[in-house]
Every structure is written in C-alpha cells, then in structure tokens.
Amino acid sequence: MKKVYTCFCTDVIHEGHINIINKAKEYGDVIVGVLNDESMVQFDKFPIASFEERIKMVKDIDGVSEVVVQEEIMYDKIIDKIRPDYVVHGDNWKNGPLKSIRDNVESLLKKYGGSIIDIPYTYNENVKRIDTRMKELKSMPEYRRKRLKQLTDLVPIVKTIEVHSGLTGLIAEKTIVENNGQLSQFDAMWISSLCDSTNKGKPDIELVDMTSRFRTIDDVMEVTTKPIIFDGDTGGLIEHFVYTVRTLERMGVSAVIIEDKTGLKKNSLFGTEVEQTQDSIEHFCEKIKAGKQVQLTEDFMIIARIESLILEQGMDDALKRARAYVEAGADGIMIHSRKKEPDEILEFCDLFRKENTKTPIVVVPSSFNVITEKELSEHGVNIVIYANQLTRSAFPAMEQTAKDILLHHRAKEVDSRLMPIKNIISLIEEL
C-alpha cells in the first residue's frame, strides 16, 4: 500500500476533515499528523483542546491507519521520517501565507517522486458555523485570560503589538508574513495609555479615565482572540488599583503593567528632562500585594515596570526593586530604557537572570530598536512590546493625505497610496 500523509491543526473534527480522510483513503494507508502546541501557536491556531485530546480525536476517525506528532509547521522532519507517496491537503494552501508550506512540501516530495493531492476546501454553512463557534470560544474571557501565561511557555518570545481600536486589533489579529520558509505573526496585543490618549486627542497624563479605556478593550475584544496586556500607568491609588485589577480580570485581560512612579504621570521617554518622581519600594510593593490579593484566578498577571534606568538611578537600584517586586508577588518585571543602544537593558536582564530564572521579563524597544527578538530572547526576555508603532505610522500618512487634498483641491493625487476600501472591509467578518 502507498503511504498517504495529511496534517491536522484543529480543536474539532468537521466534515471538511472527514472529506480529506475519505479522499486520502483512495490512494493508500492514511497517516495523520497532529501539530503539537508550540506549532499550533505559530500557525495561529491557539489550542483549546489539549494535545492528548487532539490525538485521541484523530485516532477515532474511521480510516486513519496511524497518528503521529508533527513538531514543526514545515514538513521537513516528518517527510524525512515517513517518506509518504502522497501528501493530501485542502487547496486553501495554494495561495496566501500558507503557500510557503505547500512549496516546502512540493520541494521535499520532488526529491524522491512523491506527489501533492490538493482537495477542494470544504466551506459551507455548517463548517462556517463551527469555525465561528471556535473563534467565539477563543475570545471568551476564561480562554483568553490564561493565554499569555501559556504563551511564555510555548514560544521563545511573545511578540506584542500596540492596538488602540477594533480596526488596529484586527491588524494585530490577522497580519501574518512568510519569511525564509517561516510564518510569523503577533502573539498578543498591548493597549497603551499613550496611544489610547493620543487616539482621543488627549495628553498622556492619565487624563483618560479607566471607564473610557475599558471601552477600548471592549472594542478590541469584540473582534479578536489574542491575549491583551493593559498599560495601567502608575495604577493610581491602591484603593483604586484593586478595582482596576478585578475589572480587567473579569473582562479577560491577561495582564496589567504598572510603573513605579507617583504624581502627575509623564511619558518615560522624557526621562529626567521633566519632573518625575519614583515611588518608594515599600509603597509600590503594597500596591502589588493589594492587586494580587483581590484577583480571583491564577491566570491574571500583574507586571511591575521599573523606571530606575529611565530616571538614572542606576543598575543596583533597578535590581533591588526587581527583587522586592517579585517578593511582593509581581508576575513579571518590565525594564525600560530611553537610550538608543540596548546595552543597559541587556545588562539588567543578564544580572536578573543569574538570580531569577523563572520570572518573565518584558521589554519595550522603542528607543533601542536596533535589537532583534532573537537577541532579546537570548538574554532571557520573554515578552517584547512594540508599544506605539501603529499609531506613529498612521499619523504621518494621514497628515500628508490631508495636506495633499488641501493642496490640489481634490483627492486624485492621494489615491495611489490609499488602500482600497474593500480591502479594509474584508478584514471585518460578518456573522
């Protein structure tokens, strides 16, 4: 018998999968690969069912001869191990980012005479209903909230992008690129105080109240499934912070980051150019403890942002605070710098990792943007946040468009650099 291979990355089996198995049986013994959790995440299919449940689900399909684990999105290792005569897949991988996977398979099979069989993709009302239901499940608070902690164990570094509206949330949710045979996408979203305020035309001084900022979270959550990290500024009064924690946790937010400053909040990148007061270690620890005491699940994270390097208080002060904040219950440490080079950030990470190997480290490379995610990961960083790039890229484009319309008294001259409205609308799914 010929060997026929197909791979599933799903939490539920529907008629589309059964159709692939039935077609595959016509060509020989059917071997089905199940993507492990790490690969599922990279494939933008964050699992709801456990890996063991997904294995059993596939084993129970009539016509499956063998179930194996596929540990990578690309098929190199699994094809080298199985050497199938045919690889069967839905024809949806003939276009878009998935085409790189098909090209990979085609080149591997060509070496020994294997073939690809493209099966017409099954998409009807029943399949659409199942897909919609799974997406809705992934957006539910109980599933979304815990995803950030899970990601820190599954991926080398959690790639996080700033969002400030439902539309930017969709960009974060759906943007995926192929590069050198690898698929890449954002893992999480950052709801920034700066960008939320800027989007409302307000200064970044904690002027926008929490009720308004929670509405931004609602807008984003309504159309996305990825975990959210919330910029909590200083956290405010301890008596207020506990209510913020409870609300964010109930909404399904994964984490809040609060910075150890007091008084009128000023953006950290101003550093010592403006008056900024760092909180005492004792008071900030009390704030962390109070927040941890009121949360109801183990999923929610309170991450302490240390401003010592921003305020030029030195490395020893930053490390001293990190130790104290972790002892107070902080689930992660964010270290910030406004220098153009990442040297002091990497020094902090290396020194902190020598004494603490588990607590997640978060960095925001806005000023030291020369460093890569791989380099950060090698120094123990778990989460990287691109904190304001969508806002900063949108403003100059919109401003130039407005100027050109005024200059030419019509819109024709700007049309070539505008995205067709139908492309924007296509991001928005209808039920």
Protein backbone atom coordinates (compact mmCIF):
# COMPACT_ATOMS: atom_id res chain seq x y z
CA MET A 1 0.00 0.00 0.00
CA LYS A 2 1.07 3.54 -0.71
CA LYS A 3 1.60 5.93 2.21
CA VAL A 4 -0.66 8.99 2.33
CA TYR A 5 0.05 11.78 4.79
CA THR A 6 -2.04 14.70 5.97
CA CYS A 7 -1.70 17.00 8.97
CA PHE A 8 -4.44 18.45 11.19
CA CYS A 9 -4.22 21.55 13.39
CA THR A 10 -7.72 21.78 14.78
CA ASP A 11 -9.67 21.52 18.03
CA VAL A 12 -12.69 19.96 16.35
CA ILE A 13 -13.25 17.49 13.51
CA HIS A 14 -15.86 18.54 10.94
CA GLU A 15 -16.95 17.31 7.52
CA GLY A 16 -14.05 19.06 5.81
CA HIS A 17 -11.57 16.89 7.71
CA ILE A 18 -13.63 13.76 7.07
CA ASN A 19 -13.68 14.61 3.37
CA ILE A 20 -9.86 14.82 3.33
CA ILE A 21 -9.57 11.44 5.07
CA ASN A 22 -12.04 9.82 2.66
CA LYS A 23 -10.17 11.18 -0.36
CA ALA A 24 -6.83 10.15 1.13
CA LYS A 25 -8.06 6.54 1.62
CA GLU A 26 -8.45 6.21 -2.13
CA TYR A 27 -4.68 6.46 -2.52
CA GLY A 28 -3.39 4.22 0.30
CA ASP A 29 -2.87 3.93 4.06
CA VAL A 30 -3.66 7.21 5.77
CA ILE A 31 -1.19 8.64 8.29
CA VAL A 32 -2.36 11.78 10.07
CA GLY A 33 -0.02 14.20 11.80
CA VAL A 34 -1.20 16.28 14.74
CA LEU A 35 0.62 19.56 15.30
CA ASN A 36 1.96 20.00 18.83
CA ASP A 37 1.01 23.03 20.91
CA GLU A 38 4.14 25.03 20.03
CA SER A 39 3.47 24.67 16.31
CA MET A 40 -0.26 25.28 16.68
CA VAL A 41 0.51 28.67 18.23
CA GLN A 42 2.85 29.62 15.38
CA PHE A 43 0.14 28.55 12.95
CA ASP A 44 -2.33 30.98 14.53
CA LYS A 45 -4.40 28.12 15.92
CA PHE A 46 -4.10 28.53 19.68
CA PRO A 47 -5.39 25.20 21.04
CA ILE A 48 -8.44 24.94 23.24
CA ALA A 49 -8.36 21.15 23.42
CA SER A 50 -5.28 19.59 24.99
CA PHE A 51 -2.69 17.87 22.83
CA GLU A 52 -3.80 14.48 24.20
CA GLU A 53 -7.43 15.26 23.36
CA ARG A 54 -6.47 16.23 19.81
CA ILE A 55 -4.52 12.99 19.35
CA LYS A 56 -7.48 10.90 20.54
CA MET A 57 -9.89 12.88 18.37
CA VAL A 58 -7.90 11.98 15.25
CA LYS A 59 -7.39 8.34 16.27
CA ASP A 60 -11.16 7.96 16.49
CA ILE A 61 -11.67 8.88 12.81
CA ASP A 62 -12.59 5.89 10.69
CA GLY A 63 -9.97 5.24 8.03
CA VAL A 64 -6.94 6.61 9.88
CA SER A 65 -4.17 3.98 9.92
CA GLU A 66 -1.69 5.82 12.13
CA VAL A 67 -1.41 9.07 14.09
CA VAL A 68 1.95 10.81 14.51
CA VAL A 69 3.16 14.06 16.04
CA GLN A 70 4.28 16.83 13.69
CA GLU A 71 6.56 19.10 15.69
CA GLU A 72 7.10 21.86 13.13
CA ILE A 73 4.91 23.82 10.73
CA MET A 74 7.22 22.95 7.84
CA TYR A 75 7.22 19.31 6.83
CA ASP A 76 10.97 18.60 6.54
CA LYS A 77 11.37 16.27 9.51
CA ILE A 78 8.06 14.44 9.17
CA ILE A 79 8.53 13.76 5.45
CA ASP A 80 12.09 12.59 6.05
CA LYS A 81 10.75 10.19 8.69
CA ILE A 82 7.66 8.86 6.88
CA ARG A 83 8.57 9.36 3.19
CA PRO A 84 4.93 9.40 2.08
CA ASP A 85 3.98 8.77 -1.54
CA TYR A 86 1.32 11.45 -1.29
CA VAL A 87 0.64 14.46 0.89
CA VAL A 88 -3.02 15.48 0.98
CA HIS A 89 -4.24 18.95 1.96
CA GLY A 90 -7.11 21.32 1.32
CA ASP A 91 -6.46 23.56 -1.68
CA ASN A 92 -6.60 26.66 0.57
CA TRP A 93 -2.81 26.36 0.88
CA LYS A 94 -2.28 27.21 -2.79
CA ASN A 95 -2.45 30.95 -2.08
CA GLY A 96 -1.54 33.39 0.69
CA PRO A 97 0.94 32.76 3.53
CA LEU A 98 0.17 29.02 3.55
CA LYS A 99 1.62 28.72 0.05
CA SER A 100 5.11 28.68 1.57
CA ILE A 101 4.19 25.46 3.38
CA ARG A 102 2.93 23.90 0.15
CA ASP A 103 6.11 24.97 -1.67
CA ASN A 104 8.15 23.37 1.11
CA VAL A 105 6.23 20.09 0.79
CA GLU A 106 6.45 20.11 -3.00
CA SER A 107 10.23 20.53 -2.97
CA LEU A 108 10.65 17.73 -0.40
CA LEU A 109 8.45 15.25 -2.28
CA LYS A 110 10.10 16.05 -5.61
CA LYS A 111 13.40 14.63 -4.34
CA TYR A 112 12.03 11.08 -4.40
CA GLY A 113 8.98 11.24 -6.67
CA GLY A 114 6.18 11.91 -4.18
CA SER A 115 3.12 13.98 -5.07
CA ILE A 116 0.75 16.54 -3.57
CA ILE A 117 -3.00 15.99 -3.80
CA ASP A 118 -4.97 19.22 -3.37
CA ILE A 119 -8.52 18.60 -2.15
CA PRO A 120 -11.15 21.31 -2.78
CA TYR A 121 -11.56 23.14 0.52
CA THR A 122 -14.84 22.37 2.22
CA TYR A 123 -16.61 25.53 3.27
CA ASN A 124 -20.36 25.53 3.75
CA GLU A 125 -22.78 26.89 6.31
CA ASN A 126 -22.12 24.04 8.74
CA VAL A 127 -18.33 24.41 8.58
CA LYS A 128 -18.66 28.19 8.80
CA ARG A 129 -20.82 27.81 11.91
CA ILE A 130 -18.24 25.53 13.55
CA ASP A 131 -15.35 27.86 12.69
CA THR A 132 -17.28 30.86 14.05
CA ARG A 133 -18.11 28.99 17.25
CA MET A 134 -14.45 28.06 17.81
CA LYS A 135 -13.38 31.66 17.26
CA GLU A 136 -16.01 32.87 19.71
CA LEU A 137 -14.82 30.35 22.29
CA LYS A 138 -11.24 31.59 21.95
CA SER A 139 -12.42 35.15 22.57
CA MET A 140 -14.21 34.22 25.81
CA PRO A 141 -12.57 35.61 28.99
CA GLU A 142 -11.82 32.21 30.52
CA TYR A 143 -9.84 31.13 27.44
CA ARG A 144 -8.23 34.45 26.50
CA ARG A 145 -7.11 35.45 30.01
CA LYS A 146 -4.77 32.49 30.56
CA ARG A 147 -3.24 32.59 27.09
CA LEU A 148 -0.38 34.97 27.88
CA LYS A 149 0.99 32.70 30.61
CA GLN A 150 0.68 29.74 28.27
CA LEU A 151 2.49 31.60 25.51
CA THR A 152 5.51 32.36 27.70
CA ASP A 153 5.99 28.59 27.96
CA LEU A 154 5.30 27.82 24.29
CA VAL A 155 7.22 30.42 22.26
CA PRO A 156 10.77 31.80 22.53
CA ILE A 157 9.43 35.35 22.89
CA VAL A 158 5.87 36.71 22.93
CA LYS A 159 5.60 39.31 20.13
CA THR A 160 3.17 42.04 21.20
CA ILE A 161 1.90 44.98 19.12
CA GLU A 162 0.09 48.15 20.23
CA VAL A 163 -3.58 48.44 19.33
CA HIS A 164 -6.00 51.26 20.10
CA SER A 165 -9.21 50.35 18.26
CA GLY A 166 -11.14 47.45 16.82
CA LEU A 167 -9.52 48.00 13.42
CA THR A 168 -5.95 48.01 14.76
CA GLY A 169 -6.93 44.93 16.77
CA LEU A 170 -7.87 43.21 13.51
CA ILE A 171 -4.50 44.16 12.03
CA ALA A 172 -2.75 42.58 15.02
CA GLU A 173 -5.03 39.54 14.81
CA LYS A 174 -4.75 38.83 11.09
CA THR A 175 -1.35 40.05 9.93
CA ILE A 176 0.87 37.10 9.04
CA VAL A 177 4.01 37.04 6.91
CA GLU A 178 6.21 34.36 5.40
CA ASN A 179 9.96 34.85 5.53
CA ASN A 180 12.61 32.29 4.67
CA GLY A 181 10.14 29.43 4.96
CA GLN A 182 8.77 30.53 8.32
CA LEU A 183 5.40 32.05 9.21
CA SER A 184 5.44 34.95 11.66
CA GLN A 185 2.65 36.83 13.42
CA PHE A 186 1.94 38.77 16.60
CA ASP A 187 1.10 36.72 19.70
CA ALA A 188 -0.52 39.39 21.88
CA MET A 189 -1.83 42.97 21.92
CA TRP A 190 -0.83 45.99 24.04
CA ILE A 191 -3.43 48.58 24.98
CA SER A 192 -1.21 51.58 25.55
CA SER A 193 -2.11 54.56 27.68
CA LEU A 194 -0.12 56.82 25.35
CA CYS A 195 -1.82 55.56 22.18
CA ASP A 196 -5.27 55.40 23.75
CA SER A 197 -4.90 59.02 24.89
CA THR A 198 -3.41 60.14 21.58
CA ASN A 199 -6.24 58.48 19.63
CA LYS A 200 -8.65 60.59 21.70
CA GLY A 201 -6.59 63.76 21.25
CA LYS A 202 -5.71 63.90 24.96
CA PRO A 203 -2.32 64.31 26.69
CA ASP A 204 -0.67 61.19 28.14
CA ILE A 205 -1.06 62.20 31.81
CA GLU A 206 -3.65 59.63 32.98
CA LEU A 207 -6.33 62.10 31.88
CA VAL A 208 -8.42 59.49 30.06
CA ASP A 209 -10.40 57.74 32.78
CA MET A 210 -10.45 53.98 33.21
CA THR A 211 -14.07 53.64 32.12
CA SER A 212 -13.15 55.11 28.73
CA ARG A 213 -10.07 52.92 28.47
CA PHE A 214 -12.13 49.84 29.28
CA ARG A 215 -14.34 50.71 26.30
CA THR A 216 -11.24 50.47 24.09
CA ILE A 217 -10.64 47.00 25.49
CA ASP A 218 -14.24 46.07 24.69
CA ASP A 219 -13.85 47.30 21.10
CA VAL A 220 -10.71 45.21 20.63
CA MET A 221 -12.03 42.11 22.39
CA GLU A 222 -15.20 42.06 20.34
CA VAL A 223 -13.30 41.32 17.11
CA THR A 224 -10.14 39.48 18.25
CA THR A 225 -9.00 36.40 20.15
CA LYS A 226 -5.39 37.16 21.10
CA PRO A 227 -4.37 37.97 24.69
CA ILE A 228 -4.28 41.57 25.87
CA ILE A 229 -1.70 43.32 28.04
CA PHE A 230 -3.04 46.56 29.53
CA ASP A 231 -0.95 49.64 30.24
CA GLY A 232 -2.05 50.61 33.74
CA ASP A 233 0.27 53.64 34.05
CA THR A 234 1.05 54.07 37.78
CA GLY A 235 -2.00 52.07 38.82
CA GLY A 236 -3.28 55.14 40.69
CA LEU A 237 -4.22 54.94 44.34
CA ILE A 238 -4.04 51.49 45.87
CA GLU A 239 -7.73 51.76 46.72
CA HIS A 240 -8.48 52.35 43.01
CA PHE A 241 -5.99 49.82 41.64
CA VAL A 242 -7.73 46.87 43.26
CA TYR A 243 -10.91 47.70 41.34
CA THR A 244 -8.92 48.00 38.11
CA VAL A 245 -7.45 44.54 38.67
CA ARG A 246 -10.83 42.99 39.36
CA THR A 247 -12.39 44.60 36.26
CA LEU A 248 -9.55 43.68 33.92
CA GLU A 249 -9.56 40.09 35.15
CA ARG A 250 -13.31 39.79 34.69
CA MET A 251 -13.05 41.19 31.15
CA GLY A 252 -10.49 38.57 30.17
CA VAL A 253 -7.38 40.77 30.01
CA SER A 254 -4.23 38.71 30.60
CA ALA A 255 -2.01 41.24 32.35
CA VAL A 256 -1.67 44.78 33.63
CA ILE A 257 1.67 46.59 33.71
CA ILE A 258 2.10 49.34 36.31
CA GLU A 259 5.11 51.63 36.66
CA ASP A 260 6.77 52.63 39.92
CA LYS A 261 6.17 56.38 39.69
CA THR A 262 3.94 58.77 41.60
CA GLY A 263 2.33 62.13 40.97
CA LEU A 264 1.32 63.53 37.58
CA LYS A 265 2.31 60.90 35.06
CA LYS A 266 4.75 61.95 32.32
CA ASN A 267 5.90 59.73 29.47
CA SER A 268 9.02 57.80 30.45
CA LEU A 269 10.91 58.68 27.27
CA PHE A 270 11.21 62.25 28.56
CA GLY A 271 13.39 60.80 31.32
CA THR A 272 14.92 63.45 33.58
CA GLU A 273 14.00 66.26 31.15
CA VAL A 274 10.73 66.64 33.06
CA GLU A 275 9.98 66.22 36.74
CA GLN A 276 9.19 62.59 37.51
CA THR A 277 9.07 61.01 40.95
CA GLN A 278 9.77 57.35 41.53
CA ASP A 279 7.61 55.58 44.07
CA SER A 280 9.17 54.12 47.19
CA ILE A 281 9.84 50.41 47.09
CA GLU A 282 7.65 49.87 50.14
CA HIS A 283 4.61 51.69 48.76
CA PHE A 284 4.82 50.09 45.31
CA CYS A 285 5.11 46.65 46.90
CA GLU A 286 1.93 47.37 48.86
CA LYS A 287 0.18 48.19 45.59
CA ILE A 288 1.32 44.90 44.02
CA LYS A 289 0.24 42.92 47.08
CA ALA A 290 -3.17 44.59 47.15
CA GLY A 291 -3.74 43.76 43.48
CA LYS A 292 -2.71 40.13 43.92
CA GLN A 293 -4.99 39.73 46.93
CA VAL A 294 -8.16 40.68 45.04
CA GLN A 295 -7.66 38.70 41.83
CA LEU A 296 -9.74 35.54 41.60
CA THR A 297 -7.77 33.36 39.18
CA GLU A 298 -4.19 32.24 38.76
CA ASP A 299 -4.29 33.35 35.12
CA PHE A 300 -4.13 37.14 35.55
CA MET A 301 -0.69 38.75 35.74
CA ILE A 302 0.47 41.94 37.46
CA ILE A 303 3.74 43.06 35.91
CA ALA A 304 5.91 45.66 37.65
CA ARG A 305 7.58 48.25 35.45
CA ILE A 306 10.86 49.58 36.83
CA GLU A 307 11.79 53.18 35.97
CA SER A 308 15.23 53.26 37.62
CA LEU A 309 17.19 53.31 34.36
CA ILE A 310 14.86 55.92 32.86
CA LEU A 311 15.39 58.17 35.87
CA GLU A 312 19.13 57.43 36.02
CA GLN A 313 19.00 55.80 39.44
CA GLY A 314 21.44 53.08 38.43
CA MET A 315 21.54 49.34 37.89
CA ASP A 316 21.76 48.44 41.58
CA ASP A 317 18.52 50.30 42.28
CA ALA A 318 16.79 48.57 39.35
CA LEU A 319 17.84 45.12 40.57
CA LYS A 320 16.94 45.92 44.17
CA ARG A 321 13.46 46.92 43.08
CA ALA A 322 13.08 43.87 40.87
CA ARG A 323 13.83 41.56 43.80
CA ALA A 324 11.39 43.40 46.05
CA TYR A 325 8.59 43.47 43.49
CA VAL A 326 8.89 39.75 42.78
CA GLU A 327 8.86 39.08 46.52
CA ALA A 328 5.68 41.19 46.76
CA GLY A 329 4.00 38.94 44.19
CA ALA A 330 4.69 40.55 40.80
CA ASP A 331 4.20 38.01 38.00
CA GLY A 332 6.73 39.71 35.74
CA ILE A 333 9.25 42.54 35.53
CA MET A 334 9.34 45.17 32.81
CA ILE A 335 12.59 47.05 32.49
CA HIS A 336 12.68 50.25 30.44
CA SER A 337 15.34 52.49 28.95
CA ARG A 338 15.36 55.54 26.68
CA LYS A 339 18.90 55.01 25.40
CA LYS A 340 19.47 54.30 21.71
CA GLU A 341 21.54 51.19 22.42
CA PRO A 342 20.24 48.18 24.37
CA ASP A 343 23.37 47.69 26.49
CA GLU A 344 21.91 48.60 29.89
CA ILE A 345 18.75 46.61 29.22
CA LEU A 346 20.79 43.52 28.35
CA GLU A 347 22.99 44.06 31.42
CA PHE A 348 19.90 44.16 33.64
CA CYS A 349 18.46 41.03 32.02
CA ASP A 350 21.72 39.10 32.41
CA LEU A 351 22.14 40.10 36.06
CA PHE A 352 18.49 39.44 36.91
CA ARG A 353 18.56 36.04 35.20
CA LYS A 354 21.58 34.98 37.26
CA GLU A 355 19.45 35.12 40.39
CA ASN A 356 15.95 34.57 38.94
CA THR A 357 15.46 32.17 36.03
CA LYS A 358 11.66 31.99 36.05
CA THR A 359 10.03 35.42 36.43
CA PRO A 360 9.11 36.74 32.95
CA ILE A 361 10.99 39.80 31.70
CA VAL A 362 9.22 42.35 29.49
CA VAL A 363 10.96 44.96 27.34
CA VAL A 364 9.71 47.77 25.09
CA PRO A 365 12.38 48.54 22.45
CA SER A 366 11.04 51.91 21.32
CA SER A 367 14.32 53.81 21.55
CA PHE A 368 16.76 50.88 21.35
CA ASN A 369 15.03 49.48 18.27
CA VAL A 370 18.19 48.04 16.71
CA ILE A 371 17.93 44.83 18.71
CA THR A 372 16.17 41.75 17.36
CA GLU A 373 13.71 39.47 19.12
CA LYS A 374 16.22 36.62 18.90
CA GLU A 375 18.87 38.67 20.69
CA LEU A 376 16.42 39.67 23.40
CA SER A 377 15.36 36.06 23.88
CA GLU A 378 19.00 35.00 24.25
CA HIS A 379 19.26 37.38 27.22
CA GLY A 380 16.20 35.95 28.95
CA VAL A 381 13.46 38.28 27.68
CA ASN A 382 10.04 36.62 27.47
CA ILE A 383 7.79 39.38 26.10
CA VAL A 384 8.61 42.17 23.65
CA ILE A 385 6.13 45.03 23.18
CA TYR A 386 6.08 47.24 20.09
CA ALA A 387 4.34 49.92 22.07
CA ASN A 388 3.37 52.70 19.67
CA GLN A 389 4.41 51.86 16.11
CA LEU A 390 0.90 51.57 14.62
CA THR A 391 -0.08 54.98 15.98
CA ARG A 392 3.17 56.59 14.86
CA SER A 393 2.94 55.13 11.35
CA ALA A 394 -0.69 56.19 10.87
CA PHE A 395 -0.28 59.85 11.85
CA PRO A 396 2.24 60.99 9.19
CA ALA A 397 0.33 59.11 6.48
CA MET A 398 -2.97 60.75 7.40
CA GLU A 399 -1.40 64.18 7.82
CA GLN A 400 0.23 64.00 4.37
CA THR A 401 -3.04 62.91 2.77
CA ALA A 402 -4.85 65.84 4.37
CA LYS A 403 -2.17 68.28 3.15
CA ASP A 404 -2.27 66.93 -0.42
CA ILE A 405 -6.05 67.19 -0.63
CA LEU A 406 -5.83 70.81 0.50
CA LEU A 407 -3.00 71.48 -1.93
CA HIS A 408 -4.72 70.02 -5.03
CA HIS A 409 -8.33 70.71 -4.05
CA ARG A 410 -9.23 67.11 -4.92
CA ALA A 411 -8.36 63.54 -3.85
CA LYS A 412 -6.99 62.09 -7.10
CA GLU A 413 -3.33 62.76 -6.22
CA VAL A 414 -3.51 60.70 -3.00
CA ASP A 415 -5.43 57.78 -4.46
CA SER A 416 -2.36 55.73 -5.47
CA ARG A 417 -1.21 55.38 -1.86
CA LEU A 418 -4.61 54.57 -0.37
CA MET A 419 -5.77 51.06 0.39
CA PRO A 420 -9.00 50.21 -1.46
CA ILE A 421 -11.91 50.43 0.93
CA LYS A 422 -12.99 46.89 0.02
CA ASN A 423 -9.63 45.60 1.32
CA ILE A 424 -10.27 47.26 4.67
CA ILE A 425 -13.82 45.96 4.81
CA SER A 426 -12.55 42.45 4.07
CA LEU A 427 -10.81 42.48 7.48
CA ILE A 428 -14.22 42.73 9.12
CA GLU A 429 -16.13 39.47 9.28
CA GLU A 430 -19.90 39.24 9.14
CA LEU A 431 -21.78 36.70 11.20
